[in-house]
Amino acid sequence: MRMTLAHLLLPVLFLCGCAGLGAPPPRMSAFDLGTGVHQAGGTAAATLDVQAPSWLSSAAMQYRRDDHVPAARESYAFSRWAGALPELLSHRIEASLAGASVRLPCRMRIDVDEAIQIYDSPARSRVEWRIRATLLPMHVATPVAQRMLFTVREAATADAAGGVGAHREAVSELVAQIRKWLDAVAQDPDVARRCRRSA
């Protein structure tokens, strides 16, 4: 059988093509803040609204390198949140308060001021959260009560996965603080009346 030049070159071209493909790109990983634990009893508000500034309202998992450029916010290329961060936080809070035995006739607004992983060095990082919890009447913008909440958690590993674990621990702590604050606020007999204000 006579072989042409094209037949001879086919195996070479095939091998070159495969070599050009290289290794497959890393797979994108999506994380959440955990499902939370359903807790019976305690106090909750009538409604919940979680808000965040534009740079914290996406699914980007952000970090900052204090050992490099402290002012720069960066995002992991192959690790993201499974949804917008305010949505994930809302899910955790609602799950924790679902079994509340007392419902204040107020709406609760949570403002996320910060949620980021911070690298102090290439081998060490921590997660910081800052939120504002506000109780408001259903149809009035004047706050009935407000509390600033802050927590820091060390990451077990200096990478995205370690950051996720620290974020989950931080949110669990914030949820516990919210529950404690709501229980304390509910002790004020004037709170329910102020929540019912319509003007």
N, C-alpha and C. Protein backbone atom coordinates (compact mmCIF):
# COMPACT_ATOMS: atom_id res chain seq x y z
N MET A 1 0.86 -1.19 0.00
CA MET A 1 0.00 0.00 0.00
C MET A 1 0.90 1.24 0.00
N ARG A 2 0.56 2.16 -0.87
CA ARG A 2 1.39 3.35 -0.96
C ARG A 2 0.85 4.42 -0.02
N MET A 3 1.71 5.00 0.80
CA MET A 3 1.30 6.03 1.75
C MET A 3 1.75 7.39 1.25
N THR A 4 0.86 8.32 1.34
CA THR A 4 1.18 9.68 0.90
C THR A 4 1.82 10.44 2.06
N LEU A 5 2.33 11.62 1.74
CA LEU A 5 2.94 12.46 2.77
C LEU A 5 1.91 12.87 3.82
N ALA A 6 0.69 13.08 3.37
CA ALA A 6 -0.37 13.48 4.30
C ALA A 6 -0.62 12.39 5.34
N HIS A 7 -0.61 11.10 4.89
CA HIS A 7 -0.81 10.00 5.82
C HIS A 7 0.31 9.92 6.85
N LEU A 8 1.52 10.21 6.43
CA LEU A 8 2.66 10.15 7.33
C LEU A 8 2.62 11.27 8.37
N LEU A 9 2.07 12.40 7.98
CA LEU A 9 2.06 13.55 8.88
C LEU A 9 0.91 13.52 9.87
N LEU A 10 -0.14 12.72 9.60
CA LEU A 10 -1.32 12.72 10.48
C LEU A 10 -0.98 12.40 11.94
N PRO A 11 -0.20 11.33 12.23
CA PRO A 11 0.10 11.04 13.65
C PRO A 11 0.84 12.18 14.32
N VAL A 12 1.74 12.83 13.56
CA VAL A 12 2.51 13.94 14.13
C VAL A 12 1.60 15.10 14.46
N LEU A 13 0.69 15.40 13.53
CA LEU A 13 -0.25 16.51 13.77
C LEU A 13 -1.16 16.23 14.94
N PHE A 14 -1.57 14.95 15.08
CA PHE A 14 -2.45 14.57 16.18
C PHE A 14 -1.76 14.77 17.53
N LEU A 15 -0.49 14.33 17.60
CA LEU A 15 0.26 14.47 18.84
C LEU A 15 0.49 15.94 19.19
N CYS A 16 0.77 16.75 18.18
CA CYS A 16 0.98 18.18 18.42
C CYS A 16 -0.30 18.83 18.93
N GLY A 17 -1.41 18.40 18.36
CA GLY A 17 -2.69 18.98 18.78
C GLY A 17 -3.01 18.65 20.22
N CYS A 18 -2.75 17.39 20.61
CA CYS A 18 -3.02 16.99 21.99
C CYS A 18 -2.11 17.72 22.96
N ALA A 19 -0.86 17.91 22.57
CA ALA A 19 0.08 18.62 23.44
C ALA A 19 -0.36 20.05 23.64
N GLY A 20 -0.98 20.63 22.61
CA GLY A 20 -1.41 22.02 22.72
C GLY A 20 -2.58 22.22 23.65
N LEU A 21 -3.34 21.13 23.92
CA LEU A 21 -4.50 21.26 24.80
C LEU A 21 -4.08 21.53 26.24
N GLY A 22 -3.00 20.93 26.68
CA GLY A 22 -2.52 21.14 28.03
C GLY A 22 -3.45 20.56 29.07
N ALA A 23 -3.21 20.91 30.34
CA ALA A 23 -4.05 20.43 31.45
C ALA A 23 -5.37 21.18 31.46
N PRO A 24 -6.45 20.52 31.85
CA PRO A 24 -7.76 21.21 31.93
C PRO A 24 -7.70 22.31 32.98
N PRO A 25 -8.45 23.38 32.79
CA PRO A 25 -8.44 24.48 33.76
C PRO A 25 -9.06 24.04 35.08
N PRO A 26 -8.67 24.66 36.18
CA PRO A 26 -9.27 24.31 37.48
C PRO A 26 -10.79 24.49 37.45
N ARG A 27 -11.48 23.64 38.17
CA ARG A 27 -12.94 23.71 38.21
C ARG A 27 -13.39 24.78 39.20
N MET A 28 -14.40 25.55 38.82
CA MET A 28 -14.96 26.56 39.71
C MET A 28 -15.69 25.88 40.87
N SER A 29 -15.44 26.34 42.10
CA SER A 29 -16.11 25.81 43.28
C SER A 29 -17.04 26.87 43.85
N ALA A 30 -18.24 26.46 44.22
CA ALA A 30 -19.23 27.37 44.81
C ALA A 30 -19.51 26.95 46.25
N PHE A 31 -19.45 27.90 47.16
CA PHE A 31 -19.62 27.62 48.59
C PHE A 31 -20.81 28.40 49.15
N ASP A 32 -21.35 27.91 50.27
CA ASP A 32 -22.40 28.65 50.97
C ASP A 32 -21.95 28.91 52.40
N LEU A 33 -22.81 29.54 53.18
CA LEU A 33 -22.49 29.87 54.56
C LEU A 33 -23.05 28.84 55.55
N GLY A 34 -23.44 27.68 55.02
CA GLY A 34 -24.00 26.65 55.87
C GLY A 34 -25.51 26.80 55.99
N THR A 35 -26.14 25.77 56.47
CA THR A 35 -27.60 25.77 56.58
C THR A 35 -28.09 26.28 57.93
N GLY A 36 -27.20 26.34 58.91
CA GLY A 36 -27.62 26.80 60.22
C GLY A 36 -28.35 25.70 60.99
N VAL A 37 -28.65 26.01 62.23
CA VAL A 37 -29.34 25.06 63.11
C VAL A 37 -30.67 25.65 63.52
N HIS A 38 -31.73 24.89 63.30
CA HIS A 38 -33.07 25.33 63.71
C HIS A 38 -33.14 25.31 65.23
N GLN A 39 -33.46 26.48 65.81
CA GLN A 39 -33.53 26.61 67.26
C GLN A 39 -34.93 27.04 67.68
N ALA A 40 -35.52 26.29 68.58
CA ALA A 40 -36.86 26.62 69.07
C ALA A 40 -36.78 27.69 70.15
N GLY A 41 -37.81 28.53 70.20
CA GLY A 41 -37.87 29.58 71.21
C GLY A 41 -37.13 30.83 70.78
N GLY A 42 -37.13 31.82 71.66
CA GLY A 42 -36.45 33.07 71.35
C GLY A 42 -37.36 34.06 70.64
N THR A 43 -36.75 35.14 70.17
CA THR A 43 -37.49 36.25 69.58
C THR A 43 -37.06 36.47 68.13
N ALA A 44 -38.00 36.86 67.30
CA ALA A 44 -37.72 37.19 65.90
C ALA A 44 -38.55 38.41 65.53
N ALA A 45 -38.19 39.03 64.43
CA ALA A 45 -38.97 40.14 63.90
C ALA A 45 -39.96 39.60 62.88
N ALA A 46 -40.91 40.46 62.50
CA ALA A 46 -41.94 40.03 61.55
C ALA A 46 -41.35 39.75 60.18
N THR A 47 -40.39 40.57 59.75
CA THR A 47 -39.77 40.39 58.45
C THR A 47 -38.26 40.63 58.58
N LEU A 48 -37.53 40.16 57.58
CA LEU A 48 -36.07 40.32 57.56
C LEU A 48 -35.64 40.82 56.19
N ASP A 49 -34.76 41.81 56.20
CA ASP A 49 -34.20 42.34 54.96
C ASP A 49 -32.70 42.50 55.15
N VAL A 50 -31.90 41.81 54.35
CA VAL A 50 -30.44 41.90 54.44
C VAL A 50 -29.93 42.70 53.25
N GLN A 51 -29.17 43.75 53.54
CA GLN A 51 -28.64 44.63 52.50
C GLN A 51 -27.12 44.70 52.61
N ALA A 52 -26.50 45.08 51.49
CA ALA A 52 -25.04 45.24 51.47
C ALA A 52 -24.68 46.22 50.37
N PRO A 53 -23.54 46.91 50.49
CA PRO A 53 -23.10 47.79 49.41
C PRO A 53 -22.79 46.98 48.16
N SER A 54 -22.68 47.65 47.04
CA SER A 54 -22.53 46.97 45.75
C SER A 54 -21.36 45.99 45.72
N TRP A 55 -20.25 46.35 46.35
CA TRP A 55 -19.07 45.47 46.27
C TRP A 55 -19.20 44.22 47.15
N LEU A 56 -20.24 44.17 47.99
CA LEU A 56 -20.47 42.97 48.80
C LEU A 56 -21.77 42.27 48.42
N SER A 57 -22.37 42.70 47.32
CA SER A 57 -23.68 42.15 46.93
C SER A 57 -23.59 41.09 45.85
N SER A 58 -22.40 40.70 45.47
CA SER A 58 -22.23 39.71 44.41
C SER A 58 -21.85 38.36 45.02
N ALA A 59 -21.51 37.41 44.15
CA ALA A 59 -21.08 36.09 44.61
C ALA A 59 -19.56 35.99 44.71
N ALA A 60 -18.86 37.10 44.47
CA ALA A 60 -17.40 37.09 44.53
C ALA A 60 -16.92 36.84 45.96
N MET A 61 -15.97 35.93 46.12
CA MET A 61 -15.38 35.67 47.43
C MET A 61 -14.12 36.52 47.55
N GLN A 62 -14.19 37.52 48.39
CA GLN A 62 -13.15 38.54 48.42
C GLN A 62 -12.11 38.31 49.51
N TYR A 63 -10.90 38.79 49.23
CA TYR A 63 -9.84 38.75 50.24
C TYR A 63 -8.96 39.99 50.09
N ARG A 64 -8.18 40.24 51.11
CA ARG A 64 -7.25 41.37 51.11
C ARG A 64 -5.91 40.90 51.67
N ARG A 65 -4.84 41.40 51.12
CA ARG A 65 -3.50 41.01 51.56
C ARG A 65 -2.85 42.17 52.30
N ASP A 66 -2.96 42.14 53.63
CA ASP A 66 -2.37 43.20 54.43
C ASP A 66 -0.85 43.17 54.35
N ASP A 67 -0.27 42.02 53.98
CA ASP A 67 1.18 41.92 53.85
C ASP A 67 1.68 42.40 52.49
N HIS A 68 0.73 42.76 51.61
CA HIS A 68 1.12 43.14 50.24
C HIS A 68 0.54 44.50 49.87
N VAL A 69 -0.74 44.56 49.56
CA VAL A 69 -1.42 45.83 49.24
C VAL A 69 -2.68 45.89 50.09
N PRO A 70 -2.60 46.44 51.30
CA PRO A 70 -3.73 46.41 52.22
C PRO A 70 -5.01 47.05 51.69
N ALA A 71 -4.88 48.03 50.82
CA ALA A 71 -6.07 48.74 50.35
C ALA A 71 -6.79 48.02 49.21
N ALA A 72 -6.17 47.00 48.65
CA ALA A 72 -6.75 46.33 47.47
C ALA A 72 -7.66 45.18 47.88
N ARG A 73 -8.87 45.15 47.31
CA ARG A 73 -9.79 44.03 47.48
C ARG A 73 -9.66 43.14 46.25
N GLU A 74 -9.38 41.86 46.47
CA GLU A 74 -9.24 40.92 45.37
C GLU A 74 -10.26 39.80 45.52
N SER A 75 -10.49 39.06 44.45
CA SER A 75 -11.45 37.95 44.47
C SER A 75 -10.77 36.68 43.99
N TYR A 76 -11.12 35.55 44.60
CA TYR A 76 -10.59 34.27 44.16
C TYR A 76 -11.08 33.97 42.75
N ALA A 77 -10.18 33.45 41.93
CA ALA A 77 -10.53 33.18 40.53
C ALA A 77 -11.42 31.95 40.38
N PHE A 78 -11.23 30.93 41.21
CA PHE A 78 -11.94 29.67 41.03
C PHE A 78 -12.79 29.27 42.25
N SER A 79 -13.06 30.23 43.12
CA SER A 79 -13.92 29.99 44.29
C SER A 79 -14.88 31.16 44.41
N ARG A 80 -16.17 30.83 44.50
CA ARG A 80 -17.20 31.86 44.60
C ARG A 80 -18.27 31.41 45.59
N TRP A 81 -19.08 32.37 46.03
CA TRP A 81 -20.24 32.02 46.83
C TRP A 81 -21.31 31.43 45.92
N ALA A 82 -22.14 30.58 46.46
CA ALA A 82 -23.19 29.94 45.66
C ALA A 82 -24.28 30.91 45.26
N GLY A 83 -24.34 32.05 45.91
CA GLY A 83 -25.30 33.10 45.58
C GLY A 83 -24.78 34.42 46.09
N ALA A 84 -25.57 35.47 45.94
CA ALA A 84 -25.18 36.77 46.47
C ALA A 84 -25.02 36.66 47.98
N LEU A 85 -24.00 37.30 48.52
CA LEU A 85 -23.69 37.17 49.95
C LEU A 85 -24.87 37.58 50.85
N PRO A 86 -25.58 38.69 50.58
CA PRO A 86 -26.73 39.02 51.43
C PRO A 86 -27.80 37.92 51.45
N GLU A 87 -27.99 37.27 50.31
CA GLU A 87 -28.98 36.19 50.23
C GLU A 87 -28.58 35.00 51.10
N LEU A 88 -27.29 34.66 51.08
CA LEU A 88 -26.81 33.54 51.89
C LEU A 88 -26.92 33.86 53.38
N LEU A 89 -26.60 35.10 53.75
CA LEU A 89 -26.70 35.49 55.15
C LEU A 89 -28.16 35.48 55.60
N SER A 90 -29.05 35.97 54.76
CA SER A 90 -30.47 35.98 55.07
C SER A 90 -30.97 34.56 55.33
N HIS A 91 -30.52 33.62 54.52
CA HIS A 91 -30.93 32.22 54.68
C HIS A 91 -30.50 31.68 56.04
N ARG A 92 -29.26 32.00 56.47
CA ARG A 92 -28.77 31.52 57.76
C ARG A 92 -29.58 32.12 58.91
N ILE A 93 -29.86 33.42 58.85
CA ILE A 93 -30.58 34.08 59.93
C ILE A 93 -32.02 33.56 60.01
N GLU A 94 -32.67 33.46 58.87
CA GLU A 94 -34.06 32.98 58.85
C GLU A 94 -34.16 31.55 59.38
N ALA A 95 -33.19 30.72 59.04
CA ALA A 95 -33.22 29.33 59.53
C ALA A 95 -33.10 29.29 61.05
N SER A 96 -32.27 30.17 61.61
CA SER A 96 -32.07 30.18 63.05
C SER A 96 -33.29 30.71 63.79
N LEU A 97 -34.00 31.67 63.20
CA LEU A 97 -35.12 32.32 63.88
C LEU A 97 -36.48 31.70 63.54
N ALA A 98 -36.48 30.67 62.70
CA ALA A 98 -37.75 30.09 62.25
C ALA A 98 -38.60 29.55 63.38
N GLY A 99 -37.97 29.08 64.45
CA GLY A 99 -38.71 28.49 65.56
C GLY A 99 -38.98 29.45 66.71
N ALA A 100 -38.86 30.76 66.46
CA ALA A 100 -39.05 31.74 67.53
C ALA A 100 -40.46 31.65 68.11
N SER A 101 -40.54 31.82 69.42
CA SER A 101 -41.84 31.78 70.10
C SER A 101 -42.44 33.17 70.27
N VAL A 102 -41.63 34.21 70.07
CA VAL A 102 -42.09 35.60 70.16
C VAL A 102 -41.78 36.30 68.85
N ARG A 103 -42.79 36.96 68.28
CA ARG A 103 -42.61 37.71 67.04
C ARG A 103 -42.90 39.19 67.28
N LEU A 104 -41.86 40.00 67.22
CA LEU A 104 -42.05 41.44 67.37
C LEU A 104 -42.73 41.99 66.11
N PRO A 105 -43.65 42.93 66.25
CA PRO A 105 -44.31 43.51 65.07
C PRO A 105 -43.43 44.54 64.38
N CYS A 106 -42.17 44.22 64.22
CA CYS A 106 -41.18 45.09 63.58
C CYS A 106 -40.59 44.39 62.36
N ARG A 107 -39.94 45.15 61.53
CA ARG A 107 -39.11 44.57 60.48
C ARG A 107 -37.66 44.73 60.91
N MET A 108 -36.86 43.74 60.62
CA MET A 108 -35.44 43.80 60.97
C MET A 108 -34.63 43.96 59.69
N ARG A 109 -33.76 44.94 59.70
CA ARG A 109 -32.86 45.14 58.57
C ARG A 109 -31.43 44.87 59.03
N ILE A 110 -30.73 44.08 58.25
CA ILE A 110 -29.31 43.79 58.50
C ILE A 110 -28.50 44.45 57.39
N ASP A 111 -27.59 45.34 57.76
CA ASP A 111 -26.68 45.97 56.80
C ASP A 111 -25.30 45.36 56.96
N VAL A 112 -24.80 44.75 55.90
CA VAL A 112 -23.46 44.15 55.93
C VAL A 112 -22.45 45.23 55.56
N ASP A 113 -21.62 45.61 56.51
CA ASP A 113 -20.61 46.63 56.25
C ASP A 113 -19.28 46.03 55.82
N GLU A 114 -19.01 44.81 56.25
CA GLU A 114 -17.76 44.15 55.85
C GLU A 114 -17.90 42.64 55.99
N ALA A 115 -17.31 41.92 55.05
CA ALA A 115 -17.23 40.46 55.09
C ALA A 115 -16.08 40.07 54.18
N ILE A 116 -14.92 39.82 54.76
CA ILE A 116 -13.73 39.62 53.94
C ILE A 116 -12.72 38.73 54.65
N GLN A 117 -11.91 38.05 53.85
CA GLN A 117 -10.80 37.27 54.37
C GLN A 117 -9.54 38.12 54.25
N ILE A 118 -8.77 38.22 55.32
CA ILE A 118 -7.59 39.09 55.35
C ILE A 118 -6.35 38.23 55.58
N TYR A 119 -5.37 38.37 54.69
CA TYR A 119 -4.10 37.66 54.83
C TYR A 119 -3.09 38.55 55.55
N ASP A 120 -2.66 38.10 56.72
CA ASP A 120 -1.59 38.81 57.43
C ASP A 120 -0.23 38.39 56.88
N SER A 121 -0.18 37.19 56.33
CA SER A 121 1.02 36.65 55.69
C SER A 121 0.55 35.56 54.74
N PRO A 122 1.44 35.06 53.87
CA PRO A 122 1.01 34.00 52.96
C PRO A 122 0.51 32.74 53.67
N ALA A 123 0.88 32.56 54.93
CA ALA A 123 0.51 31.34 55.65
C ALA A 123 -0.56 31.56 56.71
N ARG A 124 -1.04 32.79 56.86
CA ARG A 124 -2.01 33.07 57.93
C ARG A 124 -3.06 34.05 57.45
N SER A 125 -4.33 33.72 57.73
CA SER A 125 -5.42 34.62 57.35
C SER A 125 -6.55 34.55 58.37
N ARG A 126 -7.40 35.53 58.33
CA ARG A 126 -8.56 35.61 59.23
C ARG A 126 -9.74 36.18 58.45
N VAL A 127 -10.92 35.99 58.99
CA VAL A 127 -12.14 36.52 58.37
C VAL A 127 -12.76 37.54 59.32
N GLU A 128 -13.19 38.65 58.76
CA GLU A 128 -13.83 39.71 59.55
C GLU A 128 -15.22 40.00 59.00
N TRP A 129 -16.18 40.13 59.90
CA TRP A 129 -17.55 40.53 59.55
C TRP A 129 -17.95 41.71 60.42
N ARG A 130 -18.60 42.70 59.81
CA ARG A 130 -19.21 43.80 60.54
C ARG A 130 -20.61 44.03 59.98
N ILE A 131 -21.61 44.00 60.84
CA ILE A 131 -22.98 44.21 60.40
C ILE A 131 -23.69 45.17 61.36
N ARG A 132 -24.78 45.76 60.88
CA ARG A 132 -25.66 46.58 61.71
C ARG A 132 -27.05 45.95 61.69
N ALA A 133 -27.58 45.67 62.87
CA ALA A 133 -28.93 45.12 62.99
C ALA A 133 -29.85 46.23 63.47
N THR A 134 -30.93 46.45 62.73
CA THR A 134 -31.85 47.55 63.05
C THR A 134 -33.29 47.04 63.07
N LEU A 135 -34.03 47.40 64.09
CA LEU A 135 -35.46 47.13 64.16
C LEU A 135 -36.20 48.41 63.81
N LEU A 136 -37.16 48.29 62.89
CA LEU A 136 -37.94 49.45 62.46
C LEU A 136 -39.43 49.11 62.45
N PRO A 137 -40.30 50.13 62.63
CA PRO A 137 -41.73 49.89 62.45
C PRO A 137 -41.99 49.43 61.02
N MET A 138 -43.09 48.75 60.80
CA MET A 138 -43.37 48.18 59.49
C MET A 138 -43.47 49.24 58.39
N HIS A 139 -43.94 50.45 58.73
CA HIS A 139 -44.16 51.46 57.69
C HIS A 139 -43.50 52.79 58.00
N VAL A 140 -42.54 52.79 58.92
CA VAL A 140 -41.84 54.02 59.30
C VAL A 140 -40.34 53.76 59.27
N ALA A 141 -39.55 54.77 58.89
CA ALA A 141 -38.11 54.60 58.75
C ALA A 141 -37.34 54.93 60.03
N THR A 142 -38.02 55.37 61.08
CA THR A 142 -37.34 55.71 62.33
C THR A 142 -37.01 54.44 63.12
N PRO A 143 -35.74 54.18 63.41
CA PRO A 143 -35.37 52.94 64.12
C PRO A 143 -35.96 52.85 65.52
N VAL A 144 -36.32 51.65 65.89
CA VAL A 144 -36.76 51.36 67.25
C VAL A 144 -35.55 50.96 68.10
N ALA A 145 -34.65 50.21 67.52
CA ALA A 145 -33.44 49.77 68.20
C ALA A 145 -32.39 49.41 67.15
N GLN A 146 -31.13 49.54 67.53
CA GLN A 146 -30.05 49.23 66.58
C GLN A 146 -28.84 48.71 67.35
N ARG A 147 -28.10 47.80 66.73
CA ARG A 147 -26.90 47.24 67.35
C ARG A 147 -25.84 46.98 66.28
N MET A 148 -24.61 47.38 66.58
CA MET A 148 -23.46 47.07 65.73
C MET A 148 -22.87 45.74 66.19
N LEU A 149 -22.63 44.83 65.27
CA LEU A 149 -22.09 43.52 65.60
C LEU A 149 -20.82 43.27 64.80
N PHE A 150 -19.82 42.68 65.47
CA PHE A 150 -18.52 42.47 64.85
C PHE A 150 -17.94 41.15 65.34
N THR A 151 -17.30 40.43 64.43
CA THR A 151 -16.64 39.19 64.82
C THR A 151 -15.46 38.91 63.91
N VAL A 152 -14.47 38.20 64.45
CA VAL A 152 -13.26 37.80 63.72
C VAL A 152 -13.02 36.32 63.97
N ARG A 153 -12.69 35.59 62.92
CA ARG A 153 -12.37 34.18 63.05
C ARG A 153 -11.11 33.86 62.25
N GLU A 154 -10.20 33.13 62.88
CA GLU A 154 -8.99 32.69 62.19
C GLU A 154 -9.32 31.56 61.22
N ALA A 155 -8.71 31.59 60.05
CA ALA A 155 -8.91 30.53 59.07
C ALA A 155 -7.97 29.37 59.37
N ALA A 156 -8.48 28.16 59.26
CA ALA A 156 -7.66 26.98 59.54
C ALA A 156 -6.53 26.84 58.53
N THR A 157 -6.79 27.23 57.29
CA THR A 157 -5.77 27.20 56.24
C THR A 157 -5.81 28.52 55.48
N ALA A 158 -4.68 28.93 54.96
CA ALA A 158 -4.58 30.21 54.27
C ALA A 158 -4.95 30.04 52.80
N ASP A 159 -6.22 29.75 52.55
CA ASP A 159 -6.71 29.61 51.18
C ASP A 159 -8.22 29.82 51.19
N ALA A 160 -8.85 29.63 50.04
CA ALA A 160 -10.29 29.87 49.94
C ALA A 160 -11.07 28.93 50.85
N ALA A 161 -10.71 27.65 50.87
CA ALA A 161 -11.43 26.68 51.70
C ALA A 161 -11.34 27.04 53.18
N GLY A 162 -10.16 27.46 53.62
CA GLY A 162 -10.01 27.89 55.00
C GLY A 162 -10.86 29.12 55.29
N GLY A 163 -10.93 30.02 54.31
CA GLY A 163 -11.75 31.21 54.47
C GLY A 163 -13.22 30.87 54.61
N VAL A 164 -13.70 29.91 53.83
CA VAL A 164 -15.10 29.50 53.91
C VAL A 164 -15.43 28.98 55.31
N GLY A 165 -14.56 28.15 55.86
CA GLY A 165 -14.79 27.64 57.20
C GLY A 165 -14.85 28.76 58.23
N ALA A 166 -13.96 29.74 58.10
CA ALA A 166 -13.95 30.88 59.02
C ALA A 166 -15.19 31.74 58.83
N HIS A 167 -15.63 31.93 57.57
CA HIS A 167 -16.86 32.68 57.32
C HIS A 167 -18.05 32.01 57.99
N ARG A 168 -18.13 30.71 57.89
CA ARG A 168 -19.25 29.99 58.51
C ARG A 168 -19.25 30.14 60.03
N GLU A 169 -18.07 30.05 60.63
CA GLU A 169 -17.96 30.23 62.08
C GLU A 169 -18.35 31.66 62.46
N ALA A 170 -17.89 32.63 61.68
CA ALA A 170 -18.20 34.03 61.97
C ALA A 170 -19.70 34.29 61.89
N VAL A 171 -20.34 33.75 60.87
CA VAL A 171 -21.79 33.95 60.71
C VAL A 171 -22.55 33.26 61.84
N SER A 172 -22.11 32.10 62.27
CA SER A 172 -22.75 31.43 63.40
C SER A 172 -22.68 32.30 64.65
N GLU A 173 -21.54 32.94 64.86
CA GLU A 173 -21.39 33.84 66.00
C GLU A 173 -22.30 35.06 65.87
N LEU A 174 -22.39 35.62 64.67
CA LEU A 174 -23.27 36.78 64.45
C LEU A 174 -24.73 36.42 64.67
N VAL A 175 -25.14 35.26 64.20
CA VAL A 175 -26.52 34.82 64.40
C VAL A 175 -26.82 34.69 65.90
N ALA A 176 -25.87 34.14 66.65
CA ALA A 176 -26.06 34.01 68.09
C ALA A 176 -26.18 35.39 68.74
N GLN A 177 -25.38 36.35 68.27
CA GLN A 177 -25.45 37.71 68.80
C GLN A 177 -26.79 38.36 68.47
N ILE A 178 -27.29 38.12 67.25
CA ILE A 178 -28.58 38.67 66.86
C ILE A 178 -29.69 38.11 67.74
N ARG A 179 -29.68 36.82 67.97
CA ARG A 179 -30.69 36.19 68.82
C ARG A 179 -30.65 36.78 70.23
N LYS A 180 -29.47 36.93 70.78
CA LYS A 180 -29.33 37.48 72.13
C LYS A 180 -29.83 38.91 72.18
N TRP A 181 -29.52 39.71 71.16
CA TRP A 181 -29.97 41.10 71.11
C TRP A 181 -31.49 41.18 71.00
N LEU A 182 -32.08 40.39 70.14
CA LEU A 182 -33.54 40.40 69.98
C LEU A 182 -34.24 40.00 71.29
N ASP A 183 -33.71 39.01 71.97
CA ASP A 183 -34.30 38.60 73.25
C ASP A 183 -34.24 39.74 74.27
N ALA A 184 -33.12 40.48 74.27
CA ALA A 184 -32.99 41.60 75.21
C ALA A 184 -33.94 42.73 74.85
N VAL A 185 -34.04 43.04 73.55
CA VAL A 185 -34.93 44.11 73.11
C VAL A 185 -36.38 43.80 73.45
N ALA A 186 -36.75 42.55 73.33
CA ALA A 186 -38.14 42.14 73.58
C ALA A 186 -38.54 42.33 75.03
N GLN A 187 -37.57 42.48 75.92
CA GLN A 187 -37.88 42.69 77.33
C GLN A 187 -38.43 44.09 77.60
N ASP A 188 -38.21 45.01 76.67
CA ASP A 188 -38.72 46.38 76.81
C ASP A 188 -40.19 46.39 76.42
N PRO A 189 -41.11 46.67 77.36
CA PRO A 189 -42.54 46.64 77.04
C PRO A 189 -42.97 47.71 76.05
N ASP A 190 -42.12 48.70 75.83
CA ASP A 190 -42.48 49.80 74.93
C ASP A 190 -42.13 49.48 73.47
N VAL A 191 -41.32 48.43 73.27
CA VAL A 191 -40.85 48.12 71.91
C VAL A 191 -42.00 47.76 70.99
N ALA A 192 -42.90 46.89 71.42
CA ALA A 192 -44.01 46.47 70.58
C ALA A 192 -44.86 47.66 70.17
N ARG A 193 -45.11 48.58 71.11
CA ARG A 193 -45.91 49.76 70.79
C ARG A 193 -45.22 50.63 69.75
N ARG A 194 -43.92 50.81 69.90
CA ARG A 194 -43.16 51.63 68.96
C ARG A 194 -43.09 50.95 67.59
N CYS A 195 -43.06 49.65 67.57
CA CYS A 195 -43.04 48.93 66.30
C CYS A 195 -44.33 49.11 65.52
N ARG A 196 -45.42 49.32 66.24
CA ARG A 196 -46.73 49.44 65.59
C ARG A 196 -47.01 50.84 65.08
N ARG A 197 -46.09 51.77 65.29
CA ARG A 197 -46.32 53.12 64.80
C ARG A 197 -46.50 53.14 63.29
N SER A 198 -47.43 53.91 62.83
CA SER A 198 -47.69 54.01 61.40
C SER A 198 -47.29 55.36 60.83
N ALA A 199 -46.84 56.29 61.68
CA ALA A 199 -46.44 57.61 61.21
C ALA A 199 -45.52 58.24 62.24
